[in-house]
Protein backbone atom coordinates (compact mmCIF):
# COMPACT_ATOMS: atom_id res chain seq x y z
CA UNK A 1 -108.72 109.30 83.78
CA UNK A 2 -107.74 112.81 84.83
CA UNK A 3 -110.14 114.90 86.85
CA UNK A 4 -111.01 118.33 85.47
CA UNK A 5 -108.61 120.05 87.90
CA UNK A 6 -105.76 117.74 86.94
CA UNK A 7 -106.55 118.18 83.26
CA UNK A 8 -106.54 121.97 83.65
CA UNK A 9 -103.18 121.89 85.44
CA UNK A 10 -101.80 119.55 82.80
CA UNK A 11 -102.94 121.85 79.96
CA UNK A 12 -101.42 124.86 81.74
CA UNK A 13 -98.15 122.98 82.16
CA UNK A 14 -98.06 122.02 78.49
CA UNK A 15 -98.72 125.63 77.46
CA UNK A 16 -96.01 126.89 79.82
CA UNK A 17 -93.54 124.38 78.42
CA UNK A 18 -94.28 125.46 74.87
CA UNK A 19 -93.80 129.13 75.78
CA UNK A 20 -90.45 128.33 77.41
CA UNK A 21 -89.42 126.40 74.30
CA UNK A 22 -90.34 129.34 72.07
CA UNK A 23 -88.36 131.67 74.33
CA UNK A 24 -85.31 129.42 73.88
CA UNK A 25 -85.77 129.65 70.12
CA UNK A 26 -85.90 133.46 70.39
CA UNK A 27 -82.67 133.45 72.40
CA UNK A 28 -80.91 131.34 69.77
CA UNK A 29 -82.17 133.60 66.98
CA UNK A 30 -80.96 136.68 68.85
CA UNK A 31 -77.54 135.08 69.25
CA UNK A 32 -77.48 134.55 65.46
CA UNK A 33 -78.21 138.29 65.09
CA UNK A 34 -81.58 137.93 63.37
CA UNK A 35 -83.65 141.13 63.44
CA UNK A 36 -86.29 141.59 66.12
CA UNK A 37 -88.91 141.91 63.40
CA UNK A 38 -87.89 138.64 61.75
CA UNK A 39 -87.91 136.81 65.09
CA UNK A 40 -91.35 138.20 65.89
CA UNK A 41 -92.68 137.13 62.51
CA UNK A 42 -91.33 133.59 62.79
CA UNK A 43 -92.35 133.00 66.43
CA UNK A 44 -95.65 134.89 66.45
CA UNK A 45 -94.38 136.96 69.37
CA UNK A 46 -94.68 140.73 69.24
CA UNK A 47 -91.52 142.78 68.78
CA UNK A 48 -92.05 143.99 72.36
CA UNK A 49 -92.13 140.39 73.64
CA UNK A 50 -88.94 139.60 71.73
CA UNK A 51 -87.29 142.69 73.23
CA UNK A 52 -88.37 141.65 76.72
CA UNK A 53 -86.84 138.19 76.27
CA UNK A 54 -83.66 139.75 74.88
CA UNK A 55 -83.36 142.14 77.81
CA UNK A 56 -84.07 139.38 80.31
CA UNK A 57 -81.09 137.46 78.91
CA UNK A 58 -78.85 140.52 78.45
CA UNK A 59 -78.83 140.16 74.67
CA UNK A 60 -79.68 143.80 73.95
């Protein structure tokens, strides 16, 4: 059984992995030229978060 600290770290790792996966989806959508608004709607990110991901990967 996991201790509370290990469980907390595990949950944080799972959440981080999901966020990275969603960011990859955003990148693929940007490469397909979907609008920032559509990407935000589908991923539940804000338009500003989508823009930040796009800028980070030199897609806008």
